[in-house]
């Protein structure tokens, strides 16, 4: 009876809406969007609790540390992309044992660099604290440990993404933030302030790794199938460049704002950056689904243009919905999230939400270009990062000036990346058509 009702409902829809409803891409996006959205909410609950508890001055330190943490996670995000790509290929080839080999080998290879990174961070803690005007170098030491631990979460997440196990991946993203927020409340209650805020991040990523490996138990029970991993290096460099570029775009401004602005204004700008990133993380599921689907399409000689257009449309709809909410509420989101002490952020909320959508679309196009093996986007992305630094260095007297600098950079990059995607698709379509004909 339910099936009959569903069938009647489906017949009542226009054909185009029926195709959208039945699209595998849309279903996968909904699953991952649900977990990613709730994880994003958890991320901003974390910042809201920290901001309300610590006030603008100390929260400015937390925001800058989280910015450094995000920049430091390039290895994690690069590994996710590399493992996702090769897990997708091995899954298609029916080689679960090879996936197990990659999981084990990657875990061993990460151990020594992780320890070395922790030691390096400890050595640089004092000068970094002096540059950013922090009250203590201790949170930076905890930051190094958290970044090293986060690298390990790339192993289960990359495999889950590549094998398109989006339900498990969605749960993993959500549970990390649940543990992070719970730990934050407990640590702030103990009076650990800035250090406690970073230790909470470490608690979340440690749990995410553990639960992620549990999700891979079926793969880990298979007989190992040795596979050469050197072929990953070339793509790894491309993935690292693309990942680093996007991360820098939404973190360099925070680091520079904390350096140039007064303590109070820096805290206000950090809160704005987190509002901007609401849209970025809220729509990130679209890019995460697009990447393995495009890799699969190229491997099976199918044109990926439709995947890109549909993904871009979904992302734009989600982003515009959030922008509309921020606009209609008159920027009250800053006060709701962070408290009345952050009311000075309200005039800039609409602008940074638009920046957030632009950043999301930039990331989508970068993910697409990486999936189709393009590398010419790298100098374009690098130039955008340099432009951002130059604009802020030249114009940083107020919060509004830095917001304008970021806006110009993000949308100039979007135009350049869109042009590059058009060129790539123009060249790719005939090649795929000829291969299919052959």
Protein backbone atom coordinates (compact mmCIF):
# COMPACT_ATOMS: atom_id res chain seq x y z
CA UNK A 1 0.00 0.00 0.00
CA UNK A 2 2.87 2.32 0.79
CA UNK A 3 4.55 1.33 -2.48
CA UNK A 4 1.33 2.14 -4.35
CA UNK A 5 1.10 5.53 -2.71
CA UNK A 6 4.74 6.21 -3.50
CA UNK A 7 4.20 5.19 -7.11
CA UNK A 8 1.21 7.52 -7.40
CA UNK A 9 3.23 10.34 -5.86
CA UNK A 10 6.01 9.67 -8.32
CA UNK A 11 3.61 9.74 -11.29
CA UNK A 12 2.34 13.11 -10.07
CA UNK A 13 5.79 14.66 -10.38
CA UNK A 14 7.09 16.22 -13.60
CA UNK A 15 9.54 13.88 -15.42
CA UNK A 16 12.55 16.05 -14.60
CA UNK A 17 11.73 16.06 -10.88
CA UNK A 18 11.20 12.29 -10.97
CA UNK A 19 14.70 11.87 -12.44
CA UNK A 20 16.16 14.09 -9.74
CA UNK A 21 14.32 12.15 -7.02
CA UNK A 22 15.57 8.81 -8.37
CA UNK A 23 19.13 10.01 -8.99
CA UNK A 24 21.81 8.01 -7.19
CA UNK A 25 23.90 11.18 -6.97
CA UNK A 26 21.08 12.99 -5.16
CA UNK A 27 20.49 10.10 -2.75
CA UNK A 28 24.19 9.88 -1.91
CA UNK A 29 24.32 13.62 -1.38
CA UNK A 30 21.36 13.49 0.98
CA UNK A 31 22.98 10.78 3.12
CA UNK A 32 26.32 12.55 3.35
CA UNK A 33 24.69 15.98 3.63
CA UNK A 34 22.74 14.83 6.68
CA UNK A 35 25.86 13.72 8.54
CA UNK A 36 27.97 16.59 7.26
CA UNK A 37 25.32 19.15 8.15
CA UNK A 38 24.93 17.84 11.67
CA UNK A 39 28.72 17.70 12.00
CA UNK A 40 28.83 21.29 10.80
CA UNK A 41 26.24 22.24 13.40
CA UNK A 42 28.38 20.49 15.99
CA UNK A 43 31.42 22.43 14.80
CA UNK A 44 29.66 25.71 15.29
CA UNK A 45 28.23 24.64 18.61
CA UNK A 46 31.87 24.07 19.59
CA UNK A 47 32.76 27.62 18.53
CA UNK A 48 29.63 29.06 20.14
CA UNK A 49 30.42 27.41 23.47
CA UNK A 50 34.06 28.48 23.29
CA UNK A 51 33.13 32.03 22.29
CA UNK A 52 30.52 32.46 25.00
CA UNK A 53 32.70 30.94 27.69
CA UNK A 54 35.97 32.65 26.83
CA UNK A 55 34.88 36.03 25.40
CA UNK A 56 36.30 37.77 22.30
CA UNK A 57 39.89 38.03 23.51
CA UNK A 58 40.57 34.40 24.45
CA UNK A 59 38.25 33.15 21.72
CA UNK A 60 40.42 35.01 19.22
CA UNK A 61 43.27 32.72 20.31
CA UNK A 62 41.09 29.62 19.91
CA UNK A 63 39.95 30.77 16.46
CA UNK A 64 43.53 31.35 15.31
CA UNK A 65 44.58 27.94 16.66
CA UNK A 66 41.68 26.25 14.90
CA UNK A 67 42.75 28.09 11.73
CA UNK A 68 46.28 26.71 12.12
CA UNK A 69 44.80 23.29 12.84
CA UNK A 70 42.80 23.42 9.62
CA UNK A 71 45.88 24.44 7.61
CA UNK A 72 47.78 21.62 9.30
CA UNK A 73 45.20 19.06 8.20
CA UNK A 74 46.34 19.20 4.58
CA UNK A 75 47.98 15.79 4.98
CA UNK A 76 44.70 14.31 6.19
CA UNK A 77 42.62 15.76 3.39
CA UNK A 78 45.23 14.84 0.78
CA UNK A 79 45.32 11.27 2.03
CA UNK A 80 41.53 11.11 1.97
CA UNK A 81 41.53 12.04 -1.72
CA UNK A 82 44.38 9.67 -2.61
CA UNK A 83 42.89 6.74 -0.71
CA UNK A 84 39.40 7.49 -2.04
CA UNK A 85 40.64 7.42 -5.61
CA UNK A 86 42.56 4.15 -5.29
CA UNK A 87 39.95 2.48 -3.10
CA UNK A 88 37.39 3.26 -5.82
CA UNK A 89 39.61 1.64 -8.46
CA UNK A 90 40.30 -1.44 -6.31
CA UNK A 91 36.65 -1.80 -5.35
CA UNK A 92 35.69 -1.75 -9.02
CA UNK A 93 38.34 -4.40 -9.70
CA UNK A 94 37.00 -6.60 -6.89
CA UNK A 95 40.20 -6.52 -4.78
CA UNK A 96 39.23 -5.93 -1.13
CA UNK A 97 42.50 -7.54 -0.03
CA UNK A 98 44.41 -4.81 -1.83
CA UNK A 99 42.40 -2.20 0.09
CA UNK A 100 43.40 -3.94 3.33
CA UNK A 101 47.06 -3.77 2.24
CA UNK A 102 46.78 -0.03 1.58
CA UNK A 103 45.17 0.56 4.98
CA UNK A 104 47.93 -1.28 6.82
CA UNK A 105 50.79 0.15 4.80
CA UNK A 106 49.53 3.72 5.12
CA UNK A 107 49.17 3.32 8.89
CA UNK A 108 52.81 2.24 9.20
CA UNK A 109 54.12 4.95 6.89
CA UNK A 110 52.39 7.70 8.90
CA UNK A 111 53.90 6.75 12.27
CA UNK A 112 57.36 8.34 12.01
CA UNK A 113 56.22 11.60 10.32
CA UNK A 114 53.48 11.99 12.95
CA UNK A 115 55.99 11.79 15.81
CA UNK A 116 58.39 14.14 13.99
CA UNK A 117 55.61 16.67 13.44
CA UNK A 118 54.71 16.69 17.13
CA UNK A 119 58.34 17.36 18.04
CA UNK A 120 58.62 20.13 15.43
CA UNK A 121 55.46 21.82 16.70
CA UNK A 122 56.77 21.72 20.26
CA UNK A 123 60.02 23.35 19.10
CA UNK A 124 58.14 26.14 17.28
CA UNK A 125 55.53 26.70 19.99
CA UNK A 126 57.21 29.69 21.63
CA UNK A 127 57.89 31.76 18.47
CA UNK A 128 54.42 30.97 17.09
CA UNK A 129 52.82 32.07 20.35
CA UNK A 130 54.81 35.32 20.24
CA UNK A 131 53.80 36.04 16.61
CA UNK A 132 50.11 35.50 17.31
CA UNK A 133 50.23 37.25 20.72
CA UNK A 134 49.05 34.14 22.57
CA UNK A 135 49.17 34.02 26.35
CA UNK A 136 50.92 30.63 26.41
CA UNK A 137 52.67 28.24 23.96
CA UNK A 138 51.09 25.15 25.60
CA UNK A 139 47.95 25.11 23.36
CA UNK A 140 50.25 24.99 20.31
CA UNK A 141 51.86 21.80 21.60
CA UNK A 142 48.42 20.22 21.98
CA UNK A 143 47.61 21.51 18.49
CA UNK A 144 50.54 19.56 17.01
CA UNK A 145 49.37 16.35 18.67
CA UNK A 146 45.81 16.92 17.41
CA UNK A 147 47.00 17.45 13.82
CA UNK A 148 49.13 14.29 13.94
CA UNK A 149 46.18 12.27 15.28
CA UNK A 150 43.85 13.74 12.66
CA UNK A 151 46.08 12.44 9.88
CA UNK A 152 45.14 8.91 10.89
CA UNK A 153 41.40 9.53 10.41
CA UNK A 154 42.15 9.89 6.69
CA UNK A 155 42.65 6.14 6.43
CA UNK A 156 39.11 4.98 7.23
CA UNK A 157 37.48 8.08 5.74
CA UNK A 158 39.32 7.81 2.43
CA UNK A 159 38.39 4.15 2.03
CA UNK A 160 34.76 4.78 3.01
CA UNK A 161 34.51 7.62 0.48
CA UNK A 162 36.19 5.67 -2.32
CA UNK A 163 33.98 2.62 -1.83
CA UNK A 164 30.95 4.94 -1.62
CA UNK A 165 29.97 3.84 1.90
CA UNK A 166 28.50 7.26 2.55
CA UNK A 167 26.29 6.22 5.48
CA UNK A 168 29.30 5.07 7.52
CA UNK A 169 31.27 8.14 6.46
CA UNK A 170 28.38 10.40 7.42
CA UNK A 171 28.19 8.81 10.88
CA UNK A 172 31.95 9.15 11.32
CA UNK A 173 31.88 12.88 10.60
CA UNK A 174 28.99 13.40 13.01
CA UNK A 175 30.40 11.39 15.90
CA UNK A 176 33.72 13.24 15.80
CA UNK A 177 31.92 16.50 16.54
CA UNK A 178 29.69 14.96 19.21
CA UNK A 179 32.79 13.85 21.12
CA UNK A 180 34.57 17.17 20.49
CA UNK A 181 31.71 19.27 21.88
CA UNK A 182 31.19 16.95 24.87
CA UNK A 183 34.90 17.09 25.71
CA UNK A 184 34.93 20.88 25.31
CA UNK A 185 32.14 21.34 27.86
CA UNK A 186 33.95 19.13 30.36
CA UNK A 187 37.38 20.72 29.84
CA UNK A 188 36.09 24.29 30.06
CA UNK A 189 34.31 23.36 33.27
CA UNK A 190 37.71 22.28 34.60
CA UNK A 191 39.11 25.73 33.76
CA UNK A 192 41.45 24.65 30.95
CA UNK A 193 40.27 27.48 28.63
CA UNK A 194 42.34 27.68 25.41
CA UNK A 195 44.28 24.46 26.02
CA UNK A 196 41.04 22.63 26.81
CA UNK A 197 39.53 23.79 23.54
CA UNK A 198 42.36 22.14 21.59
CA UNK A 199 42.41 18.98 23.71
CA UNK A 200 38.71 18.60 22.86
CA UNK A 201 39.62 18.53 19.16
CA UNK A 202 42.17 15.78 19.89
CA UNK A 203 39.50 13.74 21.68
CA UNK A 204 37.15 14.01 18.71
CA UNK A 205 39.63 12.92 16.05
CA UNK A 206 40.91 10.02 18.17
CA UNK A 207 37.37 8.68 18.50
CA UNK A 208 36.71 9.22 14.77
CA UNK A 209 39.74 7.09 13.86
CA UNK A 210 38.70 4.30 16.21
CA UNK A 211 35.09 4.15 15.01
CA UNK A 212 36.24 4.46 11.39
CA UNK A 213 38.45 1.40 11.67
CA UNK A 214 35.50 -0.50 13.14
CA UNK A 215 33.53 0.46 10.00
CA UNK A 216 36.24 -1.22 7.89
CA UNK A 217 36.16 -4.51 9.81
CA UNK A 218 34.92 -6.47 6.78
CA UNK A 219 37.84 -5.21 4.67
CA UNK A 220 40.34 -5.85 7.46
CA UNK A 221 39.21 -9.49 7.70
CA UNK A 222 40.12 -10.25 4.08
CA UNK A 223 43.36 -11.86 2.98
CA UNK A 224 45.99 -9.17 2.18
CA UNK A 225 46.62 -8.57 -1.51
CA UNK A 226 49.87 -6.68 -2.01
CA UNK A 227 49.61 -3.73 -4.40
CA UNK A 228 52.22 -1.16 -5.38
CA UNK A 229 51.63 2.22 -3.79
CA UNK A 230 54.15 4.29 -5.75
CA UNK A 231 51.48 5.11 -8.32
CA UNK A 232 49.74 7.13 -5.60
CA UNK A 233 52.59 9.62 -5.30
CA UNK A 234 51.89 11.58 -8.48
CA UNK A 235 48.23 12.09 -7.71
CA UNK A 236 49.13 12.74 -4.08
CA UNK A 237 51.09 15.84 -5.09
CA UNK A 238 48.15 17.16 -7.13
CA UNK A 239 45.72 16.43 -4.29
CA UNK A 240 48.04 18.13 -1.79
CA UNK A 241 48.21 21.27 -3.92
CA UNK A 242 44.45 21.45 -4.39
CA UNK A 243 43.70 20.72 -0.75
CA UNK A 244 46.26 23.19 0.58
CA UNK A 245 45.03 25.94 -1.72
CA UNK A 246 41.42 25.66 -0.55
CA UNK A 247 42.41 25.40 3.11
CA UNK A 248 44.59 28.50 2.84
CA UNK A 249 41.74 30.45 1.28
CA UNK A 250 39.60 30.18 4.40
CA UNK A 251 42.35 30.30 7.01
CA UNK A 252 44.99 32.77 5.87
CA UNK A 253 42.57 35.63 6.46
CA UNK A 254 42.03 34.51 10.07
CA UNK A 255 45.75 34.25 10.81
CA UNK A 256 46.41 37.65 9.22
CA UNK A 257 43.40 39.28 10.91
CA UNK A 258 44.61 38.12 14.32
CA UNK A 259 48.03 39.57 13.46
CA UNK A 260 46.84 42.95 12.11
CA UNK A 261 43.65 43.76 14.05
CA UNK A 262 43.21 44.69 17.70
CA UNK A 263 42.30 41.81 20.02
CA UNK A 264 38.57 42.60 20.13
CA UNK A 265 38.24 43.12 16.36
CA UNK A 266 40.25 39.97 15.73
CA UNK A 267 37.78 37.97 17.84
CA UNK A 268 34.87 39.48 15.89
CA UNK A 269 36.51 38.59 12.57
CA UNK A 270 37.16 35.03 13.73
CA UNK A 271 33.44 34.66 14.49
CA UNK A 272 32.62 35.93 10.99
CA UNK A 273 34.98 33.43 9.44
CA UNK A 274 33.19 30.62 11.27
CA UNK A 275 29.85 31.83 9.92
CA UNK A 276 31.36 31.83 6.42
CA UNK A 277 32.52 28.27 6.90
CA UNK A 278 28.99 27.19 7.92
CA UNK A 279 28.07 27.26 4.24
CA UNK A 280 31.34 25.66 3.16
CA UNK A 281 30.97 22.66 5.45
CA UNK A 282 27.21 22.56 5.02
CA UNK A 283 27.63 21.95 1.29
CA UNK A 284 30.88 19.93 1.47
CA UNK A 285 28.99 16.66 0.97
CA UNK A 286 28.35 17.65 -2.65
CA UNK A 287 32.09 17.77 -3.38
CA UNK A 288 32.72 14.57 -1.43
CA UNK A 289 30.17 12.68 -3.51
CA UNK A 290 31.24 14.28 -6.79
CA UNK A 291 34.89 13.22 -6.56
CA UNK A 292 34.52 9.39 -6.58
CA UNK A 293 31.62 9.62 -9.04
CA UNK A 294 33.74 11.57 -11.55
CA UNK A 295 36.66 9.14 -11.05
CA UNK A 296 34.22 6.31 -11.78
CA UNK A 297 32.82 8.11 -14.83
CA UNK A 298 36.28 8.67 -16.33
CA UNK A 299 37.25 5.04 -15.68
CA UNK A 300 34.11 3.80 -17.46
CA UNK A 301 34.46 6.33 -20.33
CA UNK A 302 31.33 8.30 -19.47
CA UNK A 303 31.17 12.11 -19.83
CA UNK A 304 31.30 13.81 -16.39
CA UNK A 305 29.76 17.15 -17.42
CA UNK A 306 26.28 16.26 -16.17
CA UNK A 307 27.66 15.22 -12.78
CA UNK A 308 29.41 18.57 -12.44
CA UNK A 309 26.37 20.60 -13.48
CA UNK A 310 23.99 18.70 -11.20
CA UNK A 311 26.44 18.98 -8.29
CA UNK A 312 26.92 22.68 -8.90
CA UNK A 313 23.16 23.17 -8.97
CA UNK A 314 22.66 21.28 -5.71
CA UNK A 315 25.43 23.23 -4.00
CA UNK A 316 24.09 26.57 -5.19
CA UNK A 317 20.56 25.76 -3.99
CA UNK A 318 21.82 24.75 -0.54
CA UNK A 319 24.05 27.81 -0.29
CA UNK A 320 21.40 30.28 -1.42
CA UNK A 321 18.99 28.85 1.14
CA UNK A 322 21.48 29.55 3.93
CA UNK A 323 22.24 33.02 2.57
CA UNK A 324 18.52 33.81 2.52
CA UNK A 325 18.20 32.79 6.17
CA UNK A 326 21.18 34.93 7.16
CA UNK A 327 19.84 37.87 5.16
CA UNK A 328 16.30 37.67 6.54
CA UNK A 329 17.52 37.47 10.13
CA UNK A 330 19.58 40.62 9.70
CA UNK A 331 22.83 39.05 10.81
CA UNK A 332 21.47 37.90 14.17
CA UNK A 333 23.22 34.56 13.64
CA UNK A 334 26.41 36.06 15.12
CA UNK A 335 24.66 37.01 18.35
CA UNK A 336 22.76 33.72 18.53
CA UNK A 337 25.91 31.64 18.07
CA UNK A 338 28.43 33.64 20.04
CA UNK A 339 26.41 35.88 22.36
CA UNK A 340 25.76 39.60 22.70
CA UNK A 341 29.48 40.39 22.96
CA UNK A 342 29.75 39.55 19.25
CA UNK A 343 26.93 41.85 18.06
CA UNK A 344 29.50 43.93 16.16
CA UNK A 345 29.71 41.10 13.63
CA UNK A 346 26.08 41.52 12.46
CA UNK A 347 26.67 44.04 9.63
CA UNK A 348 29.06 41.64 7.88
CA UNK A 349 27.16 38.35 8.17
CA UNK A 350 25.43 38.54 4.77
CA UNK A 351 28.70 39.36 3.01
CA UNK A 352 30.62 36.48 4.60
CA UNK A 353 27.78 34.05 3.85
CA UNK A 354 28.09 34.96 0.15
CA UNK A 355 31.84 34.40 0.46
CA UNK A 356 31.07 30.97 1.94
CA UNK A 357 29.06 29.95 -1.13
CA UNK A 358 31.81 31.20 -3.43
CA UNK A 359 34.38 29.18 -1.48
CA UNK A 360 32.18 26.07 -1.72
CA UNK A 361 31.91 26.42 -5.50
CA UNK A 362 35.67 26.98 -5.75
CA UNK A 363 36.23 23.72 -3.89
CA UNK A 364 33.72 21.86 -6.06
CA UNK A 365 35.54 22.91 -9.23
CA UNK A 366 38.93 22.03 -7.76
CA UNK A 367 37.63 18.57 -6.79
CA UNK A 368 36.31 18.08 -10.32
CA UNK A 369 39.59 19.13 -11.93
CA UNK A 370 41.55 16.78 -9.67
CA UNK A 371 39.19 13.92 -10.54
CA UNK A 372 39.77 14.42 -14.28
CA UNK A 373 43.56 14.52 -13.78
CA UNK A 374 43.97 18.21 -14.58
CA UNK A 375 46.92 20.07 -13.02
CA UNK A 376 46.79 23.50 -14.59
CA UNK A 377 44.37 24.62 -11.87
CA UNK A 378 47.29 24.53 -9.39
CA UNK A 379 48.97 27.80 -10.46
CA UNK A 380 45.54 29.46 -10.62
CA UNK A 381 44.80 28.41 -7.04
CA UNK A 382 48.26 29.43 -5.90
CA UNK A 383 47.84 32.87 -7.46
CA UNK A 384 44.55 33.31 -5.58
CA UNK A 385 46.26 32.57 -2.25
CA UNK A 386 49.00 35.11 -3.03
CA UNK A 387 46.36 37.65 -4.05
CA UNK A 388 44.56 37.18 -0.73
CA UNK A 389 47.74 37.77 1.28
CA UNK A 390 48.67 40.81 -0.81
CA UNK A 391 45.23 42.40 -0.53
CA UNK A 392 45.08 41.95 3.25
CA UNK A 393 48.65 43.20 3.67
CA UNK A 394 47.72 46.35 1.74
CA UNK A 395 44.24 46.86 3.21
CA UNK A 396 43.63 45.71 6.79
CA UNK A 397 42.65 48.77 8.80
CA UNK A 398 39.19 47.38 9.63
CA UNK A 399 37.06 44.25 9.60
CA UNK A 400 35.18 45.54 6.55
CA UNK A 401 38.36 45.97 4.53
CA UNK A 402 39.47 42.39 5.17
CA UNK A 403 36.00 41.07 4.27
CA UNK A 404 36.23 42.95 0.97
CA UNK A 405 39.71 41.53 0.30
CA UNK A 406 38.41 37.99 0.78
CA UNK A 407 35.31 38.60 -1.37
CA UNK A 408 37.39 39.84 -4.31
CA UNK A 409 39.79 36.88 -4.09
CA UNK A 410 37.15 34.16 -3.79
CA UNK A 411 35.05 35.27 -6.75
CA UNK A 412 38.02 36.09 -8.99
CA UNK A 413 39.14 32.50 -8.41
CA UNK A 414 35.65 31.17 -9.16
CA UNK A 415 35.65 32.85 -12.57
CA UNK A 416 39.12 31.49 -13.37
CA UNK A 417 38.26 27.92 -12.29
CA UNK A 418 34.98 27.94 -14.21
CA UNK A 419 36.88 28.94 -17.34
CA UNK A 420 39.36 26.12 -16.78
CA UNK A 421 36.56 23.56 -16.31
CA UNK A 422 34.96 24.70 -19.56
CA UNK A 423 38.23 24.19 -21.43
CA UNK A 424 38.77 20.76 -19.86
CA UNK A 425 35.23 19.58 -20.65
CA UNK A 426 35.51 20.86 -24.22
CA UNK A 427 38.62 18.72 -24.73
CA UNK A 428 37.36 15.74 -22.73
CA UNK A 429 34.01 15.14 -24.43
CA UNK A 430 35.39 14.25 -27.91
CA UNK A 431 38.09 12.02 -26.38
CA UNK A 432 35.55 10.03 -24.37
CA UNK A 433 33.21 9.78 -27.35
CA UNK A 434 35.98 8.40 -29.58
CA UNK A 435 36.99 5.86 -26.94
CA UNK A 436 33.39 4.69 -26.64
CA UNK A 437 33.10 4.39 -30.39
CA UNK A 438 36.31 2.37 -30.58
